[in-house]
Amino acid sequence: MDISLVPVGFVVSSLKTRSECPRQGMGACPEAWIEVETSFVPALHRLEIGEKILVVTWLHQGNREKLQCHPQGNPSLPVHGVFATRSPDRPNPLGLHEVEIRTIEDNRLLVHPLEVIDGTPVVDLKPVLGRAGRRKSDFFSTQERDAVTRLIRAGRDGWQRGLLNGFNGNLSERVGSRAVLTATGSAKGHLTGDDFCLVDIATGEHLAGPAPSSESSVHLEIYRNCPHVSAVVHTHPPGLLALDLRVDPEELLALELFEAGVFRDRLTVVPPMQPGTRELGQAVGRAAGTYPAVLMDRHGLVSTGASVVEALGLGEEIEALAGIQLQA
C-alpha cells in the first residue's frame, strides 16, 4: 500500500513563523498565494474566482510524536487527544482549510483566509460542495462560468471605484438565450460563484441558482430590445446621483469639455418609477435601444456594452464627468 504524498504546490505568505499564524483562519488572516507545480496546472481547469475550495496542506513543522495537547495552545483548557483538536502537531500533520479564490494567474491562486506559514506544502485542492453534493457552478455551462468570472471582477472593480456600495446595483451578461445575473442580496464587491443565477431571456424563467436581483426586468428588457448588447451594469454612482438632484436632466454633463459632449450624447434619462417594477424595466429597455447609458431618475445608472468591461467603463466615464460638473 502506497500512502506517500507528493506536494502539488507551495504557499507564499507573509506569515513566516508558527507564532504569527491566527487560529482557525480568522478574518485577520492575510491573503496568500498557492503556487502550483507546473506539472499539476491542468488540474486547475474550471476552478473559478470567487469559488470556495478546501486546501489540504502538509504542516511540515508539526510535531508528529505529539498525541495530546491543550486546544489552541491554551494551558487553561483541559488536555485533549490531538484527534479531538485542530492542532498542527499530530501523527500525520495534514491541515484542512476552507478558503475563497480571490485571483487566478496562470499557476497561482490568491486565496483567503489561509493560516499557514510561507513555504507550507500543499498536497490537494478540492471544491466545497453544496447540499446536493454538486458545485453550484456545475449548473452553468463553460461559457456561463466564464461570464461569472468576468462579472465577479467587474463587481469588485465597480465597488473599488465607489460605483457600487453594499448590496446595491446588479450586473449581468448575455450567454446565448440566457442571462447570467447577480442574485438578490449579493454584495457586489465580494461576489463568489454562489451569487449568480441563470434566467431565460425570452420568458424570464429562473433556471438555476439563487433568486435573481429585483431589477432583473431591467436587464431582460434590454436584452430583448437590444440584440447588440452583451452586458448590463446597474450602478449607483454618487456623483451622478448628486448631480441628478441638483440640475434638470438636460443640464447633465453640460460642460465645456470635448469628452462631455461625447458622453452626453450617449446618456438619456427615464422619469422616476418604482424600482423592481415591470414598468421601469420596459422604459429602460426601450431607451437602451438608442442610448447605451440610461439614468433612472432618483435611482441609478444603467450602462450597456458589448462586454461587461465596456459597460462598466461607460459608467466610470459618466461618473467622472458628473464629479467635474459638481466641482465646476
Protein backbone atom coordinates (compact mmCIF):
# COMPACT_ATOMS: atom_id res chain seq x y z
CA MET A 1 0.00 0.00 0.00
CA ASP A 2 1.48 3.33 -1.11
CA ILE A 3 0.36 6.25 1.06
CA SER A 4 3.15 8.64 0.17
CA LEU A 5 2.22 12.25 -0.60
CA VAL A 6 3.53 14.49 -3.37
CA PRO A 7 3.28 18.29 -2.96
CA VAL A 8 1.19 19.82 -5.74
CA GLY A 9 2.33 23.31 -4.79
CA PHE A 10 3.57 25.59 -2.04
CA VAL A 11 2.17 28.53 -0.08
CA VAL A 12 3.64 32.00 -0.48
CA SER A 13 2.59 34.03 2.56
CA SER A 14 3.62 36.98 4.70
CA LEU A 15 3.35 34.66 7.72
CA LYS A 16 6.84 33.38 8.45
CA THR A 17 6.57 31.66 11.84
CA ARG A 18 4.00 29.48 13.60
CA SER A 19 3.53 32.12 16.30
CA GLU A 20 2.30 34.61 13.68
CA CYS A 21 -0.48 32.34 12.42
CA PRO A 22 -4.05 33.22 13.52
CA ARG A 23 -6.14 30.40 14.95
CA GLN A 24 -8.54 28.62 12.56
CA GLY A 25 -8.16 31.00 9.63
CA MET A 26 -9.81 34.01 11.23
CA GLY A 27 -10.67 37.06 9.10
CA ALA A 28 -7.47 38.83 10.23
CA CYS A 29 -5.51 36.27 8.22
CA PRO A 30 -3.70 37.83 5.23
CA GLU A 31 -4.31 36.69 1.68
CA ALA A 32 -1.80 34.10 0.49
CA TRP A 33 -0.71 32.68 -2.84
CA ILE A 34 -0.70 29.00 -3.70
CA GLU A 35 1.90 28.36 -6.38
CA VAL A 36 1.04 25.10 -8.14
CA GLU A 37 3.80 23.00 -9.65
CA THR A 38 3.85 23.22 -13.45
CA SER A 39 3.06 19.54 -13.96
CA PHE A 40 -0.21 19.94 -12.00
CA VAL A 41 -1.52 23.09 -13.73
CA PRO A 42 -4.02 21.08 -15.88
CA ALA A 43 -5.68 20.02 -12.61
CA LEU A 44 -6.73 23.65 -12.02
CA HIS A 45 -9.08 23.57 -15.02
CA ARG A 46 -12.53 25.04 -14.20
CA LEU A 47 -11.59 26.46 -10.82
CA GLU A 48 -13.11 29.95 -10.68
CA ILE A 49 -12.51 33.28 -9.00
CA GLY A 50 -14.92 33.57 -6.07
CA GLU A 51 -15.19 29.81 -5.61
CA LYS A 52 -14.66 28.27 -2.16
CA ILE A 53 -12.25 25.35 -2.02
CA LEU A 54 -10.65 23.10 0.58
CA VAL A 55 -6.86 23.35 0.69
CA VAL A 56 -5.10 20.31 2.16
CA THR A 57 -1.63 21.18 3.44
CA TRP A 58 1.27 19.27 4.95
CA LEU A 59 2.12 21.11 8.17
CA HIS A 60 5.82 20.39 7.89
CA GLN A 61 6.77 21.97 11.22
CA GLY A 62 4.27 19.86 13.15
CA ASN A 63 5.44 17.50 15.90
CA ARG A 64 4.49 14.01 14.70
CA GLU A 65 5.22 12.45 18.11
CA LYS A 66 2.64 14.50 19.98
CA LEU A 67 -0.64 12.71 20.82
CA GLN A 68 -2.20 15.13 23.31
CA CYS A 69 -2.31 18.91 23.73
CA HIS A 70 -4.15 21.88 25.17
CA PRO A 71 -6.61 23.09 22.48
CA GLN A 72 -5.50 26.34 20.81
CA GLY A 73 -2.31 26.17 22.88
CA ASN A 74 -4.24 27.47 25.90
CA PRO A 75 -2.99 25.80 29.12
CA SER A 76 -6.20 26.80 30.94
CA LEU A 77 -8.14 24.37 28.73
CA PRO A 78 -8.13 20.65 29.63
CA VAL A 79 -5.84 18.30 27.70
CA HIS A 80 -7.34 16.68 24.61
CA GLY A 81 -6.13 13.96 22.31
CA VAL A 82 -4.91 15.60 19.11
CA PHE A 83 -7.63 13.82 17.11
CA ALA A 84 -10.13 15.93 19.07
CA THR A 85 -8.36 19.16 18.08
CA ARG A 86 -7.11 21.03 15.01
CA SER A 87 -3.56 21.12 16.34
CA PRO A 88 -0.77 21.10 13.70
CA ASP A 89 1.08 18.65 15.98
CA ARG A 90 -0.27 15.17 15.13
CA PRO A 91 0.94 11.83 13.68
CA ASN A 92 0.16 12.92 10.11
CA PRO A 93 0.17 16.71 10.15
CA LEU A 94 -2.40 17.41 7.45
CA GLY A 95 -4.07 20.82 7.52
CA LEU A 96 -7.58 21.43 6.13
CA HIS A 97 -8.51 25.00 5.21
CA GLU A 98 -11.67 26.37 3.58
CA VAL A 99 -10.70 29.40 1.50
CA GLU A 100 -12.07 31.62 -1.24
CA ILE A 101 -10.21 32.05 -4.51
CA ARG A 102 -9.57 35.79 -4.99
CA THR A 103 -7.43 35.69 -8.16
CA ILE A 104 -6.17 33.10 -10.64
CA GLU A 105 -2.95 33.87 -12.51
CA ASP A 106 -1.53 31.02 -14.58
CA ASN A 107 -0.25 28.54 -11.95
CA ARG A 108 -1.04 30.76 -8.95
CA LEU A 109 -4.16 31.12 -6.82
CA LEU A 110 -4.64 34.05 -4.44
CA VAL A 111 -6.78 32.75 -1.56
CA HIS A 112 -8.17 33.89 1.79
CA PRO A 113 -8.03 33.03 4.63
CA LEU A 114 -5.05 30.65 4.85
CA GLU A 115 -3.38 30.46 8.25
CA VAL A 116 -0.16 28.62 7.38
CA ILE A 117 3.40 29.82 7.09
CA ASP A 118 5.33 30.67 3.96
CA GLY A 119 6.66 27.57 2.19
CA THR A 120 4.00 25.17 3.51
CA PRO A 121 3.49 22.28 1.05
CA VAL A 122 0.02 21.92 -0.48
CA VAL A 123 -0.99 18.31 -1.14
CA ASP A 124 -4.51 18.73 -2.58
CA LEU A 125 -7.28 21.15 -3.56
CA LYS A 126 -10.98 20.22 -3.51
CA PRO A 127 -14.18 22.19 -4.22
CA VAL A 128 -16.64 22.86 -1.42
CA LEU A 129 -19.87 21.04 -2.29
CA GLY A 130 -23.46 22.12 -1.76
CA ARG A 131 -26.14 20.05 -0.07
CA ALA A 132 -26.83 18.07 -3.22
CA GLY A 133 -23.17 17.07 -3.48
CA ARG A 134 -22.54 19.29 -6.51
CA ARG A 135 -20.75 22.53 -7.01
CA LYS A 136 -23.32 25.22 -7.74
CA SER A 137 -21.29 26.17 -10.82
CA ASP A 138 -21.98 22.69 -12.27
CA PHE A 139 -25.39 24.03 -13.34
CA PHE A 140 -23.61 26.53 -15.60
CA SER A 141 -22.04 25.86 -18.99
CA THR A 142 -18.37 26.64 -19.59
CA GLN A 143 -19.33 29.92 -21.29
CA GLU A 144 -21.60 30.85 -18.39
CA ARG A 145 -18.87 30.10 -15.85
CA ASP A 146 -16.54 32.35 -17.83
CA ALA A 147 -19.20 35.07 -17.63
CA VAL A 148 -19.40 34.59 -13.85
CA THR A 149 -15.63 35.14 -13.59
CA ARG A 150 -15.85 38.37 -15.62
CA LEU A 151 -18.80 39.64 -13.58
CA ILE A 152 -17.02 38.93 -10.28
CA ARG A 153 -14.09 41.05 -11.43
CA ALA A 154 -16.39 43.82 -12.66
CA GLY A 155 -18.31 43.83 -9.37
CA ARG A 156 -15.09 44.21 -7.42
CA ASP A 157 -13.84 46.93 -9.77
CA GLY A 158 -17.11 48.87 -9.53
CA TRP A 159 -17.08 48.57 -5.74
CA GLN A 160 -13.48 49.78 -5.50
CA ARG A 161 -14.35 52.81 -7.64
CA GLY A 162 -17.35 53.68 -5.46
CA LEU A 163 -19.95 52.96 -8.14
CA LEU A 164 -21.41 50.10 -6.09
CA ASN A 165 -21.87 50.04 -2.33
CA GLY A 166 -23.08 47.30 -0.02
CA PHE A 167 -25.79 45.28 -1.71
CA ASN A 168 -26.98 47.83 -4.27
CA GLY A 169 -26.70 47.54 -8.03
CA ASN A 170 -26.53 44.45 -10.23
CA LEU A 171 -24.62 43.05 -13.18
CA SER A 172 -25.38 40.59 -15.95
CA GLU A 173 -24.02 39.11 -19.14
CA ARG A 174 -25.86 37.54 -22.06
CA VAL A 175 -24.81 33.99 -22.98
CA GLY A 176 -26.89 32.81 -25.92
CA SER A 177 -30.56 32.75 -24.93
CA ARG A 178 -29.80 33.01 -21.21
CA ALA A 179 -28.58 35.75 -18.87
CA VAL A 180 -26.09 35.24 -16.05
CA LEU A 181 -27.28 37.68 -13.39
CA THR A 182 -26.25 38.66 -9.87
CA ALA A 183 -28.63 37.26 -7.29
CA THR A 184 -30.69 39.32 -4.91
CA GLY A 185 -28.88 40.42 -1.77
CA SER A 186 -25.37 39.89 -3.15
CA ALA A 187 -22.55 42.26 -2.14
CA LYS A 188 -21.02 43.31 -5.44
CA GLY A 189 -17.56 43.94 -4.01
CA HIS A 190 -17.38 40.42 -2.57
CA LEU A 191 -19.09 38.23 -5.15
CA THR A 192 -18.50 34.49 -5.34
CA GLY A 193 -19.73 31.85 -7.76
CA ASP A 194 -22.69 31.23 -5.44
CA ASP A 195 -24.03 34.76 -6.05
CA PHE A 196 -25.21 34.18 -9.62
CA CYS A 197 -28.33 32.79 -11.23
CA LEU A 198 -29.42 31.83 -14.74
CA VAL A 199 -32.53 33.35 -16.32
CA ASP A 200 -34.12 32.66 -19.69
CA ILE A 201 -34.15 35.98 -21.56
CA ALA A 202 -37.28 35.40 -23.61
CA THR A 203 -39.52 34.05 -20.85
CA GLY A 204 -37.87 35.38 -17.69
CA GLU A 205 -37.89 31.86 -16.23
CA HIS A 206 -35.47 31.36 -13.34
CA LEU A 207 -33.40 28.36 -14.45
CA ALA A 208 -30.76 27.85 -11.74
CA GLY A 209 -29.08 29.42 -8.76
CA PRO A 210 -30.45 31.72 -6.05
CA ALA A 211 -33.26 34.22 -6.61
CA PRO A 212 -32.48 36.84 -9.29
CA SER A 213 -31.96 40.51 -8.50
CA SER A 214 -35.13 42.53 -8.05
CA GLU A 215 -34.01 44.56 -11.07
CA SER A 216 -33.83 41.54 -13.38
CA SER A 217 -36.63 43.00 -15.52
CA VAL A 218 -34.34 45.90 -16.49
CA HIS A 219 -31.65 43.50 -17.71
CA LEU A 220 -34.06 41.20 -19.54
CA GLU A 221 -35.90 44.03 -21.30
CA ILE A 222 -32.60 45.45 -22.51
CA TYR A 223 -31.51 42.08 -23.90
CA ARG A 224 -34.90 41.62 -25.58
CA ASN A 225 -34.81 45.08 -27.18
CA CYS A 226 -31.09 45.34 -27.93
CA PRO A 227 -29.55 42.30 -29.65
CA HIS A 228 -26.21 44.16 -29.86
CA VAL A 229 -25.92 44.37 -26.06
CA SER A 230 -23.99 41.59 -24.31
CA ALA A 231 -23.61 43.06 -20.82
CA VAL A 232 -25.59 45.30 -18.47
CA VAL A 233 -24.27 47.07 -15.38
CA HIS A 234 -26.60 48.89 -12.96
CA THR A 235 -24.69 51.13 -10.55
CA HIS A 236 -25.48 53.86 -8.01
CA PRO A 237 -22.75 56.42 -8.83
CA PRO A 238 -22.83 59.05 -6.05
CA GLY A 239 -21.58 61.97 -8.16
CA LEU A 240 -24.12 61.43 -10.92
CA LEU A 241 -26.98 60.94 -8.45
CA ALA A 242 -25.99 64.11 -6.57
CA LEU A 243 -25.97 65.99 -9.87
CA ASP A 244 -29.35 64.47 -10.77
CA LEU A 245 -30.78 66.02 -7.59
CA ARG A 246 -29.25 69.40 -8.38
CA VAL A 247 -29.90 70.06 -12.09
CA ASP A 248 -32.55 69.36 -14.71
CA PRO A 249 -31.98 66.33 -16.99
CA GLU A 250 -30.99 68.48 -19.98
CA GLU A 251 -28.22 70.07 -17.90
CA LEU A 252 -26.48 66.77 -17.04
CA LEU A 253 -22.83 66.75 -18.21
CA ALA A 254 -23.29 70.28 -19.60
CA LEU A 255 -19.57 71.06 -19.57
CA GLU A 256 -17.30 72.84 -22.00
CA LEU A 257 -15.16 69.74 -22.37
CA PHE A 258 -14.75 67.69 -25.53
CA GLU A 259 -15.43 64.46 -23.63
CA ALA A 260 -18.61 65.86 -22.09
CA GLY A 261 -20.29 66.21 -25.47
CA VAL A 262 -19.37 62.67 -26.44
CA PHE A 263 -20.83 61.09 -23.31
CA ARG A 264 -23.79 63.46 -23.02
CA ASP A 265 -24.94 62.16 -26.39
CA ARG A 266 -24.79 58.58 -25.05
CA LEU A 267 -26.87 59.31 -21.95
CA THR A 268 -30.63 59.66 -21.52
CA VAL A 269 -32.95 59.86 -18.52
CA VAL A 270 -36.16 57.97 -17.74
CA PRO A 271 -38.56 59.53 -15.20
CA PRO A 272 -38.78 58.28 -11.60
CA MET A 273 -40.50 54.89 -11.28
CA GLN A 274 -40.74 52.33 -8.51
CA PRO A 275 -37.60 50.13 -8.54
CA GLY A 276 -38.17 46.49 -9.43
CA THR A 277 -41.32 47.10 -11.47
CA ARG A 278 -42.05 45.86 -14.95
CA GLU A 279 -42.87 49.45 -15.92
CA LEU A 280 -39.33 50.57 -15.11
CA GLY A 281 -37.83 47.59 -16.91
CA GLN A 282 -39.77 48.32 -20.08
CA ALA A 283 -38.90 52.03 -20.02
CA VAL A 284 -35.19 51.34 -19.63
CA GLY A 285 -35.31 48.57 -22.26
CA ARG A 286 -36.82 50.96 -24.82
CA ALA A 287 -34.36 53.75 -24.01
CA ALA A 288 -31.37 51.42 -24.21
CA GLY A 289 -32.19 50.75 -27.87
CA THR A 290 -30.90 54.25 -28.64
CA TYR A 291 -28.74 55.21 -25.67
CA PRO A 292 -26.08 52.91 -24.12
CA ALA A 293 -26.42 54.75 -20.78
CA VAL A 294 -29.77 55.30 -19.09
CA LEU A 295 -30.14 57.27 -15.87
CA MET A 296 -33.14 56.11 -13.87
CA ASP A 297 -34.11 59.42 -12.29
CA ARG A 298 -33.65 59.37 -8.49
CA HIS A 299 -32.40 55.80 -8.63
CA GLY A 300 -29.25 54.78 -10.52
CA LEU A 301 -27.41 54.38 -13.81
CA VAL A 302 -27.74 51.50 -16.27
CA SER A 303 -24.86 51.19 -18.74
CA THR A 304 -24.60 48.63 -21.52
CA GLY A 305 -21.96 47.34 -23.89
CA ALA A 306 -20.53 44.51 -25.93
CA SER A 307 -18.71 43.37 -22.77
CA VAL A 308 -19.03 43.97 -19.05
CA VAL A 309 -15.74 45.91 -19.12
CA GLU A 310 -17.17 48.24 -21.78
CA ALA A 311 -20.42 48.70 -19.85
CA LEU A 312 -18.64 49.41 -16.57
CA GLY A 313 -16.16 51.72 -18.30
CA LEU A 314 -19.02 53.79 -19.72
CA GLY A 315 -20.43 54.21 -16.21
CA GLU A 316 -16.99 55.27 -14.93
CA GLU A 317 -16.64 57.93 -17.64
CA ILE A 318 -20.06 59.41 -16.89
CA GLU A 319 -19.44 59.41 -13.13
CA ALA A 320 -16.08 61.19 -13.60
CA LEU A 321 -17.71 63.93 -15.71
CA ALA A 322 -20.51 64.29 -13.15
CA GLY A 323 -17.87 64.82 -10.48
CA ILE A 324 -16.23 67.55 -12.56
CA GLN A 325 -19.58 69.30 -13.07
CA LEU A 326 -20.27 69.22 -9.34
CA GLN A 327 -16.92 70.89 -8.67
CA ALA A 328 -17.00 73.38 -11.55
